[in-house]
N, C-alpha and C. Protein backbone atom coordinates (compact mmCIF):
# COMPACT_ATOMS: atom_id res chain seq x y z
N LEU A 1 -9.88 33.17 17.48
CA LEU A 1 -9.54 33.44 16.21
C LEU A 1 -10.67 32.99 15.34
N GLN A 2 -11.08 34.08 14.95
CA GLN A 2 -11.94 33.84 13.80
C GLN A 2 -11.54 33.50 12.06
N ILE A 3 -11.88 32.46 11.75
CA ILE A 3 -11.50 31.76 10.27
C ILE A 3 -12.51 31.80 9.06
N TRP A 4 -12.53 31.69 8.13
CA TRP A 4 -12.82 31.88 6.75
C TRP A 4 -12.84 30.85 6.21
N GLN A 5 -13.29 30.06 5.83
CA GLN A 5 -13.17 28.65 4.86
C GLN A 5 -13.82 29.23 3.51
N GLN A 6 -13.13 28.91 2.26
CA GLN A 6 -14.18 28.86 1.31
C GLN A 6 -13.51 28.23 0.22
N ASN A 7 -14.10 27.45 -0.79
CA ASN A 7 -13.78 26.69 -2.29
C ASN A 7 -13.82 27.89 -3.30
N LEU A 8 -13.08 28.46 -3.58
CA LEU A 8 -13.05 29.66 -5.00
C LEU A 8 -13.38 29.17 -6.39
N ASN A 9 -13.04 27.78 -6.46
CA ASN A 9 -13.21 27.68 -7.72
C ASN A 9 -12.65 27.61 -9.00
N ALA A 10 -11.22 28.28 -8.16
CA ALA A 10 -9.86 28.98 -9.25
C ALA A 10 -10.46 29.82 -9.84
N LEU A 11 -11.49 30.46 -9.10
CA LEU A 11 -12.05 32.00 -10.60
C LEU A 11 -11.73 33.30 -9.50
N LEU A 12 -10.96 33.45 -10.37
CA LEU A 12 -10.19 35.09 -10.08
C LEU A 12 -11.50 36.17 -9.94
N VAL A 13 -12.59 36.07 -9.99
CA VAL A 13 -13.88 37.16 -9.67
C VAL A 13 -14.72 36.44 -8.61
N ALA A 14 -14.51 35.73 -7.89
CA ALA A 14 -14.78 35.02 -6.81
C ALA A 14 -13.43 35.46 -5.93
N GLN A 15 -12.85 35.09 -6.38
CA GLN A 15 -11.38 35.51 -5.02
C GLN A 15 -11.50 37.04 -4.85
N GLU A 16 -11.59 37.88 -5.86
CA GLU A 16 -11.81 38.88 -6.20
C GLU A 16 -12.67 40.21 -5.08
N LEU A 17 -13.72 39.28 -5.47
CA LEU A 17 -15.23 39.53 -4.06
C LEU A 17 -14.54 39.40 -2.87
N LEU A 18 -14.38 38.02 -2.54
CA LEU A 18 -13.61 37.69 -1.41
C LEU A 18 -12.79 38.66 -1.26
N MET A 19 -11.85 38.89 -1.61
CA MET A 19 -10.80 39.93 -0.58
C MET A 19 -11.00 41.25 -0.54
N ASN A 20 -12.40 42.07 -1.44
CA ASN A 20 -12.88 43.16 -1.40
C ASN A 20 -14.22 43.01 -0.44
N SER A 21 -14.67 42.24 0.25
CA SER A 21 -15.91 42.12 1.26
C SER A 21 -15.54 42.49 2.62
N GLN A 22 -16.72 43.68 2.69
CA GLN A 22 -16.57 43.85 4.38
C GLN A 22 -16.51 42.34 5.29
N ASP A 23 -17.12 41.26 4.73
CA ASP A 23 -17.42 40.36 5.94
C ASP A 23 -16.28 39.72 6.32
N ILE A 24 -14.79 39.87 5.94
CA ILE A 24 -13.84 38.94 6.47
C ILE A 24 -13.08 40.06 7.09
N THR A 25 -13.07 41.06 7.12
CA THR A 25 -12.44 42.48 7.75
C THR A 25 -12.09 41.50 9.18
N ASN A 26 -13.09 41.34 10.19
CA ASN A 26 -12.13 40.84 10.98
C ASN A 26 -12.05 39.40 11.95
N HIS A 27 -11.35 38.99 10.15
CA HIS A 27 -10.95 37.05 10.78
C HIS A 27 -9.92 37.56 10.27
N ASP A 28 -9.23 36.66 11.13
CA ASP A 28 -7.96 35.78 11.33
C ASP A 28 -7.33 35.02 10.52
N LEU A 29 -7.93 34.46 9.80
CA LEU A 29 -7.46 33.46 9.04
C LEU A 29 -8.67 33.53 7.73
N LEU A 30 -8.03 33.33 6.71
CA LEU A 30 -9.03 32.85 5.42
C LEU A 30 -8.40 31.19 4.99
N ILE A 31 -9.09 30.44 5.23
CA ILE A 31 -8.49 29.16 4.50
C ILE A 31 -9.26 28.63 3.49
N ILE A 32 -9.32 28.67 2.16
CA ILE A 32 -9.23 28.60 0.48
C ILE A 32 -8.64 27.35 0.04
N GLN A 33 -9.65 26.46 -0.37
CA GLN A 33 -9.60 25.79 -1.71
C GLN A 33 -10.04 25.91 -3.23
N GLU A 34 -9.41 25.94 -4.26
CA GLU A 34 -9.48 26.03 -5.07
C GLU A 34 -9.55 27.42 -5.58
N PRO A 35 -8.04 28.00 -5.01
CA PRO A 35 -7.49 29.69 -5.11
C PRO A 35 -7.40 29.93 -6.58
N TYR A 36 -7.49 31.55 -7.05
CA TYR A 36 -7.11 31.31 -8.24
C TYR A 36 -5.63 31.67 -8.26
N ILE A 37 -4.47 30.94 -9.22
CA ILE A 37 -3.51 31.40 -9.39
C ILE A 37 -3.05 31.57 -11.07
N ASN A 38 -2.39 32.17 -10.88
CA ASN A 38 -1.96 33.27 -12.40
C ASN A 38 -0.80 32.71 -12.80
N PHE A 39 -0.67 33.14 -14.44
CA PHE A 39 0.35 32.26 -14.87
C PHE A 39 1.96 32.38 -13.84
N LEU A 40 1.90 33.15 -13.75
CA LEU A 40 3.38 33.04 -12.78
C LEU A 40 3.25 32.29 -11.53
N TYR A 41 2.54 31.53 -11.03
CA TYR A 41 2.11 30.52 -9.96
C TYR A 41 1.53 31.70 -9.11
N ASN A 42 0.99 32.75 -8.40
CA ASN A 42 1.08 33.65 -7.49
C ASN A 42 -0.79 33.44 -7.59
N THR A 43 -1.00 34.37 -6.62
CA THR A 43 -2.33 34.06 -6.34
C THR A 43 -2.81 35.85 -5.93
N ARG A 44 -3.80 36.37 -5.97
CA ARG A 44 -4.37 38.09 -5.40
C ARG A 44 -4.70 37.89 -4.05
N THR A 45 -4.25 38.73 -3.70
CA THR A 45 -4.34 39.55 -2.47
C THR A 45 -4.52 40.68 -2.31
N SER A 46 -4.73 41.50 -0.87
CA SER A 46 -4.20 43.01 -0.65
C SER A 46 -3.27 42.87 0.20
N HIS A 47 -3.31 44.05 0.47
CA HIS A 47 -2.42 44.42 1.69
C HIS A 47 -2.43 44.19 2.97
N ARG A 48 -4.07 43.53 3.65
CA ARG A 48 -4.46 42.95 4.59
C ARG A 48 -3.49 41.62 4.64
N TRP A 49 -3.34 41.25 3.99
CA TRP A 49 -3.25 39.88 4.65
C TRP A 49 -1.65 39.35 3.42
N HIS A 50 -1.03 38.06 4.65
CA HIS A 50 -0.10 37.40 4.05
C HIS A 50 -0.14 36.36 3.74
N VAL A 51 0.37 35.74 2.74
CA VAL A 51 -0.58 34.65 1.93
C VAL A 51 0.86 33.64 2.06
N LEU A 52 -0.03 32.36 2.83
CA LEU A 52 0.63 30.53 2.74
C LEU A 52 0.14 29.93 1.87
N TYR A 53 1.40 29.55 1.03
CA TYR A 53 1.28 28.75 -0.20
C TYR A 53 1.68 27.32 0.28
N PRO A 54 1.31 26.28 -0.01
CA PRO A 54 1.83 24.70 0.91
C PRO A 54 3.40 25.11 0.22
N THR A 55 4.19 24.88 0.93
CA THR A 55 5.56 24.23 1.33
C THR A 55 5.94 23.95 -0.45
N ASN A 56 5.45 23.17 -0.74
CA ASN A 56 6.17 22.77 -2.23
C ASN A 56 5.61 23.69 -3.37
N HIS A 57 4.87 24.71 -2.82
CA HIS A 57 4.70 25.59 -4.43
C HIS A 57 5.57 25.90 -5.27
N LEU A 58 6.62 26.40 -4.85
CA LEU A 58 7.72 27.02 -6.10
C LEU A 58 8.60 25.55 -6.72
N THR A 59 8.49 24.95 -5.72
CA THR A 59 9.45 23.48 -6.43
C THR A 59 8.66 22.49 -7.12
N HIS A 60 7.53 22.50 -7.37
CA HIS A 60 7.00 21.47 -7.89
C HIS A 60 5.78 22.49 -8.56
N PRO A 61 5.77 23.25 -8.97
CA PRO A 61 4.87 23.85 -10.15
C PRO A 61 3.59 23.46 -10.77
N GLN A 62 4.23 22.29 -11.38
CA GLN A 62 3.15 21.37 -12.24
C GLN A 62 2.37 20.39 -11.56
N GLU A 63 2.61 21.04 -10.28
CA GLU A 63 1.33 20.46 -9.29
C GLU A 63 0.12 21.53 -9.17
N ARG A 64 -0.59 22.15 -9.11
CA ARG A 64 -1.12 23.30 -8.88
C ARG A 64 -1.51 23.25 -7.47
N SER A 65 -0.86 24.35 -6.98
CA SER A 65 -1.61 24.08 -5.39
C SER A 65 -3.03 24.56 -5.18
N GLN A 66 -4.02 23.53 -4.66
CA GLN A 66 -5.18 23.84 -3.90
C GLN A 66 -5.35 24.32 -3.18
N ALA A 67 -4.29 24.44 -2.40
CA ALA A 67 -4.82 25.16 -1.24
C ALA A 67 -4.41 26.16 -0.85
N ILE A 68 -4.65 27.13 0.01
CA ILE A 68 -4.07 28.27 0.45
C ILE A 68 -4.45 28.76 1.89
N THR A 69 -3.67 29.39 2.51
CA THR A 69 -4.24 30.16 3.81
C THR A 69 -3.95 32.12 3.52
N PHE A 70 -4.53 32.59 3.95
CA PHE A 70 -4.53 33.94 4.20
C PHE A 70 -4.34 34.04 5.69
N VAL A 71 -3.11 35.03 6.20
CA VAL A 71 -3.30 35.32 7.52
C VAL A 71 -3.23 37.03 7.50
N ASN A 72 -4.46 37.43 8.56
CA ASN A 72 -4.42 39.09 8.40
C ASN A 72 -3.31 39.60 9.12
N THR A 73 -2.33 40.56 8.16
CA THR A 73 -1.37 41.17 9.10
C THR A 73 -1.50 41.83 10.53
N SER A 74 -2.91 42.04 10.35
CA SER A 74 -2.83 42.44 12.34
C SER A 74 -2.29 41.50 13.10
N LEU A 75 -2.25 40.21 12.74
CA LEU A 75 -1.76 39.46 13.61
C LEU A 75 -0.12 39.30 13.63
N ASP A 76 0.26 39.44 15.00
CA ASP A 76 2.15 39.60 15.12
C ASP A 76 2.32 38.31 14.74
N THR A 77 3.70 38.90 13.87
CA THR A 77 4.37 37.55 13.18
C THR A 77 4.50 36.81 13.82
N ASN A 78 5.38 37.00 15.00
CA ASN A 78 5.22 36.10 16.44
C ASN A 78 4.71 35.61 16.58
N THR A 79 3.42 35.11 16.57
CA THR A 79 2.48 34.60 17.28
C THR A 79 2.00 33.49 15.95
N TRP A 80 2.23 33.49 14.80
CA TRP A 80 2.09 32.20 13.79
C TRP A 80 3.40 31.54 13.11
N ARG A 81 3.29 30.82 12.37
CA ARG A 81 4.24 30.14 11.58
C ARG A 81 3.66 29.01 11.13
N GLN A 82 4.51 28.96 9.74
CA GLN A 82 4.00 27.87 9.10
C GLN A 82 4.43 26.69 9.13
N ILE A 83 4.09 25.56 9.01
CA ILE A 83 4.48 23.95 9.06
C ILE A 83 4.43 23.45 7.94
N PRO A 84 5.87 23.04 7.95
CA PRO A 84 6.24 22.41 6.27
C PRO A 84 5.52 20.77 6.31
N PHE A 85 4.63 20.93 4.70
CA PHE A 85 4.32 19.47 4.76
C PHE A 85 4.23 19.15 3.27
N PRO A 86 4.88 18.06 2.97
CA PRO A 86 5.07 18.12 1.49
C PRO A 86 3.80 17.74 0.15
N SER A 87 2.76 18.54 0.50
CA SER A 87 1.90 18.23 -0.52
C SER A 87 1.09 19.73 -1.00
N SER A 88 1.16 20.01 -2.47
CA SER A 88 0.10 20.89 -2.81
C SER A 88 -1.49 21.32 -2.82
N ASP A 89 -1.28 20.21 -1.79
CA ASP A 89 -3.23 20.38 -0.94
C ASP A 89 -2.96 20.73 0.06
N VAL A 90 -2.45 20.86 0.47
CA VAL A 90 -1.82 21.13 2.05
C VAL A 90 -1.12 22.47 2.63
N VAL A 91 -1.86 23.30 3.41
CA VAL A 91 -1.13 24.15 4.21
C VAL A 91 -1.31 23.91 5.76
N ILE A 92 -0.24 24.21 6.65
CA ILE A 92 -0.80 24.06 7.99
C ILE A 92 0.29 24.98 8.60
N VAL A 93 -0.54 25.78 9.41
CA VAL A 93 -0.23 27.09 10.59
C VAL A 93 -0.58 27.19 11.53
N GLN A 94 0.57 27.33 12.64
CA GLN A 94 0.19 27.32 13.78
C GLN A 94 0.13 28.49 14.78
N VAL A 95 -1.10 28.78 15.25
CA VAL A 95 -0.98 30.16 15.87
C VAL A 95 -0.40 29.96 17.39
N THR A 96 0.02 31.09 18.36
CA THR A 96 0.04 30.62 19.40
C THR A 96 -0.45 32.25 20.18
N GLY A 97 -0.49 31.87 21.48
CA GLY A 97 -1.42 32.75 22.33
C GLY A 97 -1.56 32.32 23.85
N ASN A 98 -2.66 33.46 24.52
CA ASN A 98 -2.46 32.47 26.09
C ASN A 98 -3.59 32.06 26.46
N PHE A 99 -3.88 30.87 24.76
CA PHE A 99 -4.83 29.91 24.44
C PHE A 99 -3.50 28.34 24.84
N GLY A 100 -2.61 28.70 24.04
CA GLY A 100 -1.56 27.84 24.21
C GLY A 100 -1.25 28.19 22.46
N ALA A 101 -1.51 26.50 22.38
CA ALA A 101 -0.86 26.38 20.50
C ALA A 101 -1.74 25.90 19.61
N CYS A 102 -2.28 26.29 18.42
CA CYS A 102 -4.19 25.83 17.74
C CYS A 102 -2.91 25.48 16.53
N THR A 103 -3.26 24.53 16.36
CA THR A 103 -3.12 24.10 14.72
C THR A 103 -3.87 23.45 13.53
N ILE A 104 -3.56 24.62 12.42
CA ILE A 104 -5.08 24.65 11.68
C ILE A 104 -4.70 23.95 10.16
N VAL A 105 -4.97 22.83 10.01
CA VAL A 105 -4.44 22.21 8.76
C VAL A 105 -5.82 22.63 7.33
N ASN A 106 -5.20 23.12 6.91
CA ASN A 106 -6.18 23.31 5.48
C ASN A 106 -5.72 22.22 4.26
N ILE A 107 -7.10 21.57 3.87
CA ILE A 107 -6.76 20.32 3.36
C ILE A 107 -7.66 20.52 2.34
N TYR A 108 -7.23 20.13 0.71
CA TYR A 108 -7.92 19.82 -0.34
C TYR A 108 -7.79 18.67 -0.66
N ASN A 109 -9.33 18.29 -0.65
CA ASN A 109 -9.54 17.14 -1.00
C ASN A 109 -10.34 17.18 -2.86
N ASP A 110 -10.24 16.58 -3.27
CA ASP A 110 -10.93 16.34 -4.74
C ASP A 110 -11.97 15.38 -5.06
N CYS A 111 -11.89 14.53 -4.21
CA CYS A 111 -13.27 13.48 -3.39
C CYS A 111 -12.85 12.21 -5.02
N THR A 112 -11.91 12.54 -5.66
CA THR A 112 -12.01 11.33 -6.70
C THR A 112 -10.08 10.19 -5.69
N HIS A 113 -9.67 10.40 -4.85
CA HIS A 113 -8.59 9.72 -4.40
C HIS A 113 -8.69 10.55 -2.93
N GLN A 114 -8.29 9.68 -2.45
CA GLN A 114 -7.65 9.64 -0.59
C GLN A 114 -6.43 10.02 -0.45
N ASN A 115 -4.87 10.46 -1.71
CA ASN A 115 -4.00 10.94 -1.45
C ASN A 115 -3.28 11.44 -0.35
N THR A 116 -4.09 12.69 -0.65
CA THR A 116 -3.84 13.93 0.21
C THR A 116 -3.32 13.10 1.80
N LEU A 117 -4.60 12.10 2.49
CA LEU A 117 -4.75 11.59 3.49
C LEU A 117 -3.60 10.64 3.98
């Protein structure tokens, strides 16, 4: 698995630059903290990525989602699944293959508290 991790400081321009970058073409997962979220509570992406929001993203919109994970559409959807977790700061995805199962936990920590942990 090739994984790219980045904090985007909630900037649309940073997210658009990342989505259009050739650097991420061969990556399987993008682990993003502080993504751009618009007024409809959606982020921006391209057709090359599935977006995984925190489990409570739509049920608790007042808690801004601080972590999202993009899964490359080239990965077979039968080889990965999101694992529910009750936080706007956490996205968990499990990928399976010949190597077994690999669980990736995307955690946003704002450094003012440890509520997420």
